[in-house]
N, C-alpha and C. Protein backbone atom coordinates (compact mmCIF):
# COMPACT_ATOMS: atom_id res chain seq x y z
N MET A 1 89.75 78.40 22.71
CA MET A 1 88.70 77.42 22.61
C MET A 1 87.79 77.60 23.84
N PRO A 2 86.45 77.62 23.65
CA PRO A 2 85.54 77.80 24.79
C PRO A 2 85.57 76.59 25.74
N VAL A 3 85.36 76.90 27.03
CA VAL A 3 85.29 75.86 28.06
C VAL A 3 83.82 75.63 28.39
N LYS A 4 83.41 74.36 28.38
CA LYS A 4 82.01 74.02 28.67
C LYS A 4 81.96 73.13 29.91
N VAL A 5 81.10 73.53 30.87
CA VAL A 5 80.93 72.73 32.08
C VAL A 5 79.97 71.58 31.78
N GLU A 6 80.42 70.35 32.04
CA GLU A 6 79.61 69.16 31.82
C GLU A 6 78.96 68.77 33.14
N THR A 7 77.64 68.51 33.10
CA THR A 7 76.94 68.10 34.31
C THR A 7 76.12 66.84 34.04
N LYS A 8 75.78 66.16 35.15
CA LYS A 8 74.86 65.02 35.07
C LYS A 8 74.01 65.04 36.33
N GLY A 9 72.90 64.33 36.29
CA GLY A 9 72.04 64.24 37.46
C GLY A 9 71.23 65.50 37.68
N LYS A 10 70.55 65.53 38.84
CA LYS A 10 69.77 66.71 39.17
C LYS A 10 70.05 67.11 40.61
N LEU A 11 69.84 68.37 40.88
CA LEU A 11 70.09 68.89 42.22
C LEU A 11 69.15 68.24 43.23
N PRO A 12 69.58 68.19 44.50
CA PRO A 12 68.68 67.66 45.54
C PRO A 12 67.37 68.45 45.60
N ASP A 13 66.32 67.80 46.10
CA ASP A 13 65.01 68.44 46.21
C ASP A 13 65.11 69.77 46.96
N GLY A 14 64.37 70.75 46.48
CA GLY A 14 64.33 72.06 47.12
C GLY A 14 65.38 73.03 46.59
N LEU A 15 66.29 72.55 45.75
CA LEU A 15 67.34 73.42 45.20
C LEU A 15 67.19 73.56 43.70
N THR A 16 67.43 74.77 43.21
CA THR A 16 67.48 75.02 41.76
C THR A 16 68.74 75.81 41.47
N LEU A 17 69.24 75.63 40.26
CA LEU A 17 70.47 76.31 39.85
C LEU A 17 70.15 77.73 39.43
N GLU A 18 70.72 78.68 40.12
CA GLU A 18 70.53 80.09 39.79
C GLU A 18 71.59 80.55 38.79
N ASP A 19 72.83 80.08 39.00
CA ASP A 19 73.92 80.48 38.11
C ASP A 19 75.08 79.50 38.25
N MET A 20 75.74 79.23 37.13
CA MET A 20 76.95 78.41 37.14
C MET A 20 77.93 79.09 36.21
N ASP A 21 79.05 79.52 36.76
CA ASP A 21 80.00 80.31 35.99
C ASP A 21 81.40 79.75 36.18
N VAL A 22 82.09 79.54 35.07
CA VAL A 22 83.45 79.01 35.13
C VAL A 22 84.43 80.18 35.07
N ASN A 23 85.50 80.10 35.88
CA ASN A 23 86.44 81.23 35.96
C ASN A 23 87.28 81.40 34.71
N VAL A 24 87.43 80.34 33.92
CA VAL A 24 88.18 80.42 32.66
C VAL A 24 87.19 80.14 31.53
N LYS A 25 86.89 81.16 30.74
CA LYS A 25 85.90 81.01 29.67
C LYS A 25 86.49 80.35 28.42
N GLU A 26 87.77 80.63 28.18
CA GLU A 26 88.43 80.08 27.00
C GLU A 26 89.86 79.67 27.36
N VAL A 27 90.34 78.65 26.66
CA VAL A 27 91.72 78.22 26.84
C VAL A 27 92.40 78.13 25.47
N GLU A 28 93.69 78.34 25.50
CA GLU A 28 94.46 78.19 24.27
C GLU A 28 94.92 76.74 24.20
N ILE A 29 94.69 76.11 23.03
CA ILE A 29 95.06 74.71 22.89
C ILE A 29 96.05 74.54 21.74
N PHE A 30 96.83 73.48 21.86
CA PHE A 30 97.79 73.14 20.82
C PHE A 30 97.65 71.66 20.50
N GLY A 31 97.93 71.31 19.26
CA GLY A 31 97.88 69.91 18.87
C GLY A 31 98.08 69.80 17.37
N THR A 32 98.04 68.58 16.89
CA THR A 32 98.18 68.36 15.46
C THR A 32 96.92 68.89 14.77
N SER A 33 97.05 69.21 13.50
CA SER A 33 95.89 69.74 12.77
C SER A 33 94.75 68.72 12.76
N THR A 34 95.05 67.45 12.72
CA THR A 34 94.03 66.41 12.74
C THR A 34 93.28 66.44 14.07
N ALA A 35 94.02 66.54 15.17
CA ALA A 35 93.39 66.57 16.50
C ALA A 35 92.57 67.85 16.67
N LEU A 36 93.09 68.96 16.15
CA LEU A 36 92.40 70.25 16.32
C LEU A 36 91.12 70.34 15.48
N ASP A 37 91.06 69.65 14.36
CA ASP A 37 89.90 69.71 13.46
C ASP A 37 88.60 69.28 14.13
N ASP A 38 88.67 68.31 15.01
CA ASP A 38 87.46 67.75 15.61
C ASP A 38 87.00 68.45 16.89
N ILE A 39 87.73 69.44 17.33
CA ILE A 39 87.42 70.05 18.63
C ILE A 39 86.69 71.38 18.46
N LYS A 40 85.52 71.48 19.10
CA LYS A 40 84.72 72.71 19.07
C LYS A 40 84.75 73.41 20.43
N GLU A 41 85.05 72.61 21.49
CA GLU A 41 85.09 73.14 22.85
C GLU A 41 85.89 72.18 23.73
N ILE A 42 86.33 72.69 24.86
CA ILE A 42 86.99 71.85 25.86
C ILE A 42 86.01 71.70 27.02
N LYS A 43 85.71 70.45 27.35
CA LYS A 43 84.75 70.17 28.42
C LYS A 43 85.47 69.95 29.75
N THR A 44 84.74 70.22 30.82
CA THR A 44 85.25 69.88 32.15
C THR A 44 84.92 68.43 32.43
N GLU A 45 85.54 67.87 33.48
CA GLU A 45 85.09 66.57 33.95
C GLU A 45 83.62 66.73 34.34
N VAL A 46 82.87 65.67 34.37
CA VAL A 46 81.44 65.73 34.65
C VAL A 46 81.20 66.08 36.12
N ILE A 47 80.37 67.09 36.34
CA ILE A 47 79.97 67.50 37.69
C ILE A 47 78.64 66.82 38.01
N ASP A 48 78.60 66.06 39.08
CA ASP A 48 77.37 65.37 39.50
C ASP A 48 76.55 66.32 40.35
N LEU A 49 75.47 66.85 39.75
CA LEU A 49 74.64 67.84 40.45
C LEU A 49 73.96 67.27 41.69
N SER A 50 73.74 65.97 41.75
CA SER A 50 73.10 65.39 42.92
C SER A 50 73.96 65.52 44.18
N LYS A 51 75.24 65.82 44.00
CA LYS A 51 76.14 65.99 45.14
C LYS A 51 76.36 67.47 45.49
N VAL A 52 75.75 68.37 44.72
CA VAL A 52 75.89 69.81 44.97
C VAL A 52 74.72 70.23 45.86
N ASN A 53 75.03 70.68 47.08
CA ASN A 53 73.95 71.04 48.00
C ASN A 53 74.09 72.43 48.61
N LYS A 54 75.08 73.19 48.14
CA LYS A 54 75.19 74.57 48.63
C LYS A 54 75.93 75.44 47.62
N THR A 55 75.69 76.72 47.74
CA THR A 55 76.36 77.72 46.91
C THR A 55 77.85 77.69 47.24
N GLY A 56 78.69 77.79 46.22
CA GLY A 56 80.13 77.79 46.47
C GLY A 56 80.91 77.56 45.19
N THR A 57 82.14 77.11 45.35
CA THR A 57 83.03 76.89 44.21
C THR A 57 83.42 75.42 44.13
N ILE A 58 83.38 74.90 42.92
CA ILE A 58 83.77 73.52 42.66
C ILE A 58 85.00 73.55 41.76
N GLU A 59 86.02 72.81 42.14
CA GLU A 59 87.21 72.68 41.29
C GLU A 59 86.97 71.50 40.35
N ALA A 60 87.25 71.70 39.07
CA ALA A 60 87.04 70.62 38.09
C ALA A 60 88.22 70.58 37.12
N LYS A 61 88.65 69.37 36.81
CA LYS A 61 89.71 69.19 35.82
C LYS A 61 89.12 69.33 34.42
N LEU A 62 89.94 69.79 33.51
CA LEU A 62 89.52 69.83 32.11
C LEU A 62 89.68 68.44 31.52
N ASP A 63 88.73 68.04 30.70
CA ASP A 63 88.78 66.75 30.01
C ASP A 63 89.52 66.99 28.69
N ILE A 64 90.83 66.81 28.73
CA ILE A 64 91.67 67.16 27.59
C ILE A 64 91.73 65.99 26.61
N PRO A 65 91.25 66.22 25.38
CA PRO A 65 91.25 65.15 24.38
C PRO A 65 92.68 64.70 24.04
N LYS A 66 92.78 63.47 23.58
CA LYS A 66 94.07 62.89 23.17
C LYS A 66 94.66 63.74 22.04
N GLY A 67 95.93 64.00 22.14
CA GLY A 67 96.63 64.76 21.09
C GLY A 67 96.55 66.27 21.29
N ILE A 68 95.91 66.73 22.36
CA ILE A 68 95.77 68.17 22.63
C ILE A 68 96.59 68.53 23.87
N ILE A 69 97.19 69.70 23.81
CA ILE A 69 97.94 70.23 24.95
C ILE A 69 97.33 71.58 25.32
N ILE A 70 97.11 71.77 26.63
CA ILE A 70 96.64 73.06 27.14
C ILE A 70 97.69 73.52 28.14
N PRO A 71 98.56 74.43 27.72
CA PRO A 71 99.68 74.80 28.59
C PRO A 71 99.29 75.67 29.79
N GLU A 72 98.22 76.43 29.68
CA GLU A 72 97.88 77.40 30.73
C GLU A 72 97.34 76.76 31.99
N THR A 73 96.43 75.81 31.85
CA THR A 73 95.76 75.25 33.02
C THR A 73 95.18 73.88 32.71
N SER A 74 95.02 73.08 33.76
CA SER A 74 94.36 71.79 33.57
C SER A 74 93.13 71.69 34.47
N GLU A 75 92.88 72.76 35.23
CA GLU A 75 91.77 72.77 36.17
C GLU A 75 91.12 74.15 36.18
N VAL A 76 89.81 74.16 36.40
CA VAL A 76 89.07 75.42 36.46
C VAL A 76 88.24 75.46 37.75
N ALA A 77 87.82 76.67 38.13
CA ALA A 77 86.94 76.85 39.29
C ALA A 77 85.56 77.22 38.75
N ILE A 78 84.55 76.50 39.23
CA ILE A 78 83.18 76.74 38.79
C ILE A 78 82.39 77.31 39.96
N SER A 79 81.92 78.54 39.82
CA SER A 79 81.10 79.16 40.86
C SER A 79 79.66 78.73 40.66
N VAL A 80 79.08 78.18 41.72
CA VAL A 80 77.71 77.69 41.66
C VAL A 80 76.87 78.50 42.63
N SER A 81 75.76 79.05 42.12
CA SER A 81 74.83 79.79 42.96
C SER A 81 73.49 79.06 42.91
N LEU A 82 72.99 78.67 44.09
CA LEU A 82 71.76 77.90 44.16
C LEU A 82 70.64 78.72 44.78
N LYS A 83 69.42 78.41 44.35
CA LYS A 83 68.21 78.96 44.95
C LYS A 83 67.56 77.81 45.70
N GLN A 84 67.08 78.12 46.92
CA GLN A 84 66.47 77.07 47.74
C GLN A 84 65.02 77.41 48.04
N THR A 85 64.19 76.38 48.03
CA THR A 85 62.80 76.48 48.45
C THR A 85 62.67 75.68 49.73
N LYS A 86 62.16 76.33 50.78
CA LYS A 86 62.05 75.66 52.07
C LYS A 86 60.69 75.99 52.69
N VAL A 87 60.06 74.97 53.26
CA VAL A 87 58.76 75.15 53.91
C VAL A 87 58.97 75.19 55.42
N PHE A 88 58.40 76.23 56.04
CA PHE A 88 58.41 76.34 57.50
C PHE A 88 56.98 76.06 57.96
N LYS A 89 56.83 75.06 58.82
CA LYS A 89 55.50 74.62 59.25
C LYS A 89 55.15 75.14 60.64
N ASP A 90 53.85 75.23 60.88
CA ASP A 90 53.31 75.51 62.22
C ASP A 90 53.85 76.79 62.85
N ILE A 91 53.84 77.87 62.09
CA ILE A 91 54.23 79.16 62.63
C ILE A 91 52.97 79.81 63.22
N SER A 92 53.07 80.27 64.44
CA SER A 92 51.92 80.87 65.11
C SER A 92 51.52 82.19 64.46
N ILE A 93 50.20 82.39 64.40
CA ILE A 93 49.64 83.64 63.87
C ILE A 93 49.24 84.48 65.08
N SER A 94 49.74 85.69 65.16
CA SER A 94 49.37 86.54 66.30
C SER A 94 48.28 87.52 65.88
N ALA A 95 47.37 87.79 66.82
CA ALA A 95 46.32 88.79 66.61
C ALA A 95 46.78 90.06 67.31
N GLU A 96 46.80 91.16 66.56
CA GLU A 96 47.29 92.41 67.10
C GLU A 96 46.22 93.49 67.06
N ASN A 97 46.34 94.44 67.96
CA ASN A 97 45.44 95.59 68.07
C ASN A 97 44.03 95.19 68.51
N THR A 98 43.92 94.13 69.29
CA THR A 98 42.62 93.70 69.81
C THR A 98 42.25 94.58 71.00
N ALA A 99 41.00 95.02 71.03
CA ALA A 99 40.53 95.85 72.15
C ALA A 99 40.70 95.08 73.46
N ASP A 100 40.97 95.81 74.55
CA ASP A 100 41.27 95.19 75.85
C ASP A 100 40.15 94.29 76.36
N ASN A 101 38.91 94.59 76.03
CA ASN A 101 37.78 93.82 76.55
C ASN A 101 37.39 92.64 75.64
N LEU A 102 38.17 92.41 74.57
CA LEU A 102 37.84 91.36 73.62
C LEU A 102 38.96 90.33 73.53
N ASP A 103 38.61 89.15 73.05
CA ASP A 103 39.57 88.08 72.87
C ASP A 103 39.41 87.52 71.45
N VAL A 104 40.46 86.95 70.90
CA VAL A 104 40.43 86.40 69.54
C VAL A 104 40.58 84.89 69.60
N GLN A 105 39.69 84.20 68.89
CA GLN A 105 39.77 82.76 68.75
C GLN A 105 39.88 82.45 67.26
N PHE A 106 40.80 81.56 66.92
CA PHE A 106 40.97 81.19 65.51
C PHE A 106 39.97 80.10 65.15
N VAL A 107 39.23 80.32 64.06
CA VAL A 107 38.26 79.35 63.56
C VAL A 107 38.90 78.52 62.45
N GLN A 108 39.52 79.19 61.49
CA GLN A 108 40.20 78.52 60.38
C GLN A 108 41.48 79.28 60.07
N PRO A 109 42.66 78.78 60.35
CA PRO A 109 42.94 77.47 60.94
C PRO A 109 42.66 77.50 62.45
N ASN A 110 42.12 76.43 62.96
CA ASN A 110 41.68 76.43 64.35
C ASN A 110 42.84 76.42 65.35
N GLN A 111 44.03 76.08 64.91
CA GLN A 111 45.19 76.10 65.81
C GLN A 111 45.90 77.45 65.82
N GLY A 112 45.48 78.34 64.91
CA GLY A 112 46.16 79.64 64.86
C GLY A 112 47.59 79.54 64.38
N GLN A 113 47.84 78.56 63.50
CA GLN A 113 49.17 78.38 62.93
C GLN A 113 49.05 78.12 61.44
N MET A 114 50.13 78.40 60.72
CA MET A 114 50.15 78.08 59.30
C MET A 114 51.58 77.86 58.82
N SER A 115 51.68 77.33 57.61
CA SER A 115 52.98 77.11 56.98
C SER A 115 53.27 78.22 55.99
N ILE A 116 54.55 78.46 55.76
CA ILE A 116 54.97 79.40 54.72
C ILE A 116 56.04 78.71 53.87
N THR A 117 56.11 79.13 52.61
CA THR A 117 57.15 78.65 51.70
C THR A 117 58.07 79.82 51.41
N VAL A 118 59.36 79.60 51.58
CA VAL A 118 60.37 80.64 51.39
C VAL A 118 61.28 80.23 50.25
N VAL A 119 61.53 81.17 49.33
CA VAL A 119 62.42 80.93 48.20
C VAL A 119 63.46 82.05 48.15
N GLY A 120 64.72 81.65 48.02
CA GLY A 120 65.78 82.65 47.92
C GLY A 120 67.12 81.99 47.77
N ASN A 121 68.17 82.81 47.79
CA ASN A 121 69.53 82.31 47.68
C ASN A 121 69.77 81.27 48.77
N GLU A 122 70.32 80.15 48.39
CA GLU A 122 70.52 79.03 49.32
C GLU A 122 71.32 79.44 50.55
N GLU A 123 72.32 80.31 50.40
CA GLU A 123 73.13 80.73 51.54
C GLU A 123 72.29 81.47 52.58
N ILE A 124 71.28 82.20 52.14
CA ILE A 124 70.41 82.95 53.05
C ILE A 124 69.35 82.02 53.65
N VAL A 125 68.66 81.26 52.80
CA VAL A 125 67.57 80.38 53.25
C VAL A 125 68.09 79.33 54.23
N ARG A 126 69.27 78.83 53.99
CA ARG A 126 69.86 77.80 54.87
C ARG A 126 69.92 78.27 56.32
N GLU A 127 70.14 79.56 56.55
CA GLU A 127 70.31 80.10 57.91
C GLU A 127 68.99 80.51 58.57
N LEU A 128 67.89 80.51 57.82
CA LEU A 128 66.62 80.99 58.37
C LEU A 128 65.98 79.98 59.31
N ARG A 129 65.28 80.50 60.30
CA ARG A 129 64.52 79.70 61.26
C ARG A 129 63.11 80.31 61.37
N THR A 130 62.20 79.60 61.99
CA THR A 130 60.84 80.14 62.13
C THR A 130 60.83 81.47 62.86
N THR A 131 61.80 81.69 63.72
CA THR A 131 61.87 82.96 64.47
C THR A 131 62.18 84.16 63.57
N ASN A 132 62.58 83.92 62.33
CA ASN A 132 62.84 85.01 61.39
C ASN A 132 61.56 85.56 60.77
N PHE A 133 60.42 84.93 61.07
CA PHE A 133 59.16 85.32 60.43
C PHE A 133 58.12 85.69 61.49
N HIS A 134 57.27 86.63 61.13
CA HIS A 134 56.18 87.05 62.02
C HIS A 134 54.90 87.07 61.18
N ILE A 135 53.92 86.27 61.59
CA ILE A 135 52.64 86.21 60.88
C ILE A 135 51.60 86.82 61.81
N ARG A 136 50.81 87.76 61.28
CA ARG A 136 49.85 88.43 62.15
C ARG A 136 48.58 88.79 61.41
N VAL A 137 47.55 89.02 62.19
CA VAL A 137 46.30 89.59 61.68
C VAL A 137 46.01 90.82 62.51
N ASP A 138 45.46 91.83 61.88
CA ASP A 138 45.12 93.08 62.56
C ASP A 138 43.64 93.06 62.90
N THR A 139 43.33 93.13 64.19
CA THR A 139 41.93 93.06 64.63
C THR A 139 41.40 94.43 65.05
N LYS A 140 42.12 95.47 64.73
CA LYS A 140 41.71 96.83 65.10
C LYS A 140 40.31 97.10 64.54
N ASP A 141 39.47 97.66 65.38
CA ASP A 141 38.10 98.08 65.02
C ASP A 141 37.16 96.91 64.72
N LEU A 142 37.56 95.67 64.99
CA LEU A 142 36.65 94.55 64.78
C LEU A 142 35.79 94.36 66.03
N GLU A 143 34.53 94.09 65.79
CA GLU A 143 33.59 93.89 66.89
C GLU A 143 33.33 92.41 67.11
N VAL A 144 32.57 92.08 68.16
CA VAL A 144 32.23 90.70 68.48
C VAL A 144 31.59 90.04 67.26
N GLY A 145 32.02 88.80 66.95
CA GLY A 145 31.49 88.06 65.81
C GLY A 145 32.61 87.40 65.02
N GLU A 146 32.21 86.73 63.93
CA GLU A 146 33.17 86.03 63.08
C GLU A 146 33.61 86.94 61.94
N HIS A 147 34.91 86.91 61.64
CA HIS A 147 35.48 87.79 60.61
C HIS A 147 36.52 87.03 59.79
N ARG A 148 36.57 87.33 58.47
CA ARG A 148 37.69 86.87 57.63
C ARG A 148 38.64 88.05 57.50
N VAL A 149 39.87 87.83 57.91
CA VAL A 149 40.85 88.92 57.91
C VAL A 149 42.10 88.51 57.14
N PRO A 150 42.73 89.48 56.46
CA PRO A 150 43.95 89.16 55.71
C PRO A 150 45.14 88.91 56.65
N ILE A 151 46.03 88.07 56.18
CA ILE A 151 47.25 87.74 56.92
C ILE A 151 48.38 88.64 56.42
N GLU A 152 49.18 89.10 57.35
CA GLU A 152 50.40 89.85 57.01
C GLU A 152 51.59 89.01 57.46
N ILE A 153 52.53 88.81 56.54
CA ILE A 153 53.73 88.02 56.86
C ILE A 153 54.95 88.94 56.75
N GLU A 154 55.72 88.98 57.82
CA GLU A 154 56.96 89.75 57.82
C GLU A 154 58.13 88.79 57.90
N GLY A 155 59.17 89.12 57.16
CA GLY A 155 60.38 88.29 57.16
C GLY A 155 61.50 89.04 56.46
N PRO A 156 62.61 88.37 56.26
CA PRO A 156 63.76 89.01 55.58
C PRO A 156 63.37 89.53 54.19
N ASP A 157 63.94 90.66 53.81
CA ASP A 157 63.63 91.29 52.52
C ASP A 157 64.21 90.53 51.33
N ASP A 158 65.28 89.78 51.54
CA ASP A 158 66.00 89.18 50.41
C ASP A 158 65.51 87.78 50.05
N VAL A 159 64.30 87.41 50.51
CA VAL A 159 63.68 86.14 50.12
C VAL A 159 62.21 86.40 49.75
N ASP A 160 61.65 85.48 48.97
CA ASP A 160 60.22 85.53 48.65
C ASP A 160 59.48 84.63 49.63
N ILE A 161 58.39 85.15 50.18
CA ILE A 161 57.63 84.39 51.18
C ILE A 161 56.20 84.26 50.69
N GLU A 162 55.70 83.02 50.70
CA GLU A 162 54.33 82.74 50.28
C GLU A 162 53.64 82.00 51.42
N GLY A 163 52.52 82.55 51.87
CA GLY A 163 51.77 81.93 52.95
C GLY A 163 50.88 80.80 52.44
N GLU A 164 50.60 79.86 53.31
CA GLU A 164 49.71 78.74 53.01
C GLU A 164 48.31 79.24 52.68
N MET A 165 47.94 80.38 53.27
CA MET A 165 46.63 80.99 53.00
C MET A 165 46.78 82.50 53.03
N LYS A 166 45.81 83.18 52.44
CA LYS A 166 45.85 84.65 52.37
C LYS A 166 45.02 85.28 53.49
N GLN A 167 44.01 84.54 53.96
CA GLN A 167 43.12 85.03 55.00
C GLN A 167 42.87 83.94 56.03
N VAL A 168 42.47 84.38 57.23
CA VAL A 168 42.03 83.44 58.25
C VAL A 168 40.65 83.86 58.73
N THR A 169 39.96 82.92 59.32
CA THR A 169 38.67 83.22 59.93
C THR A 169 38.88 83.23 61.43
N ILE A 170 38.49 84.34 62.06
CA ILE A 170 38.62 84.47 63.51
C ILE A 170 37.26 84.81 64.09
N GLU A 171 37.14 84.54 65.38
CA GLU A 171 35.93 84.95 66.09
C GLU A 171 36.36 85.86 67.23
N ILE A 172 35.75 87.04 67.27
CA ILE A 172 36.00 87.99 68.35
C ILE A 172 34.94 87.75 69.41
N VAL A 173 35.39 87.54 70.65
CA VAL A 173 34.46 87.29 71.77
C VAL A 173 34.81 88.24 72.92
N GLU A 174 33.83 88.48 73.75
CA GLU A 174 34.07 89.29 74.95
C GLU A 174 34.81 88.45 75.96
N LYS A 175 35.69 89.10 76.72
CA LYS A 175 36.47 88.40 77.76
C LYS A 175 35.57 88.05 78.92
């Protein structure tokens, strides 16, 4: 008989379910023919998703209907894999390859900082800090004046990174 994981609620904000897999897919059941007639699957106890906040394993009892016997097991292990979305705010944007006699001033954003949104496996995203990311603009060959330049974001390969903006406006001035 197939085992079905029963859930209720929703995951905490920023988390999505990537995979939920039960270690026992089917169980052998015994019972009277009357009891067996009404059963299409064996459900687990209800898992409250609002209490699931990290990737891992959850132990759950089987919800065994009256008149049914499951000799092999009464509990299963459910592997849960979560995806997390996390926003990192106020990461400094560095200007690189600026000529020695020139200086860079940020016009938009005027603080020279921006936010990024990171999406990936919860176990990886949970450990990330702003120091794991480098945001830069390349000012090579730019002359004095205002310029719109593309942003380059570097970070871990195993996550998706989306910047708050694709370009910044800078002003190149003489020192």
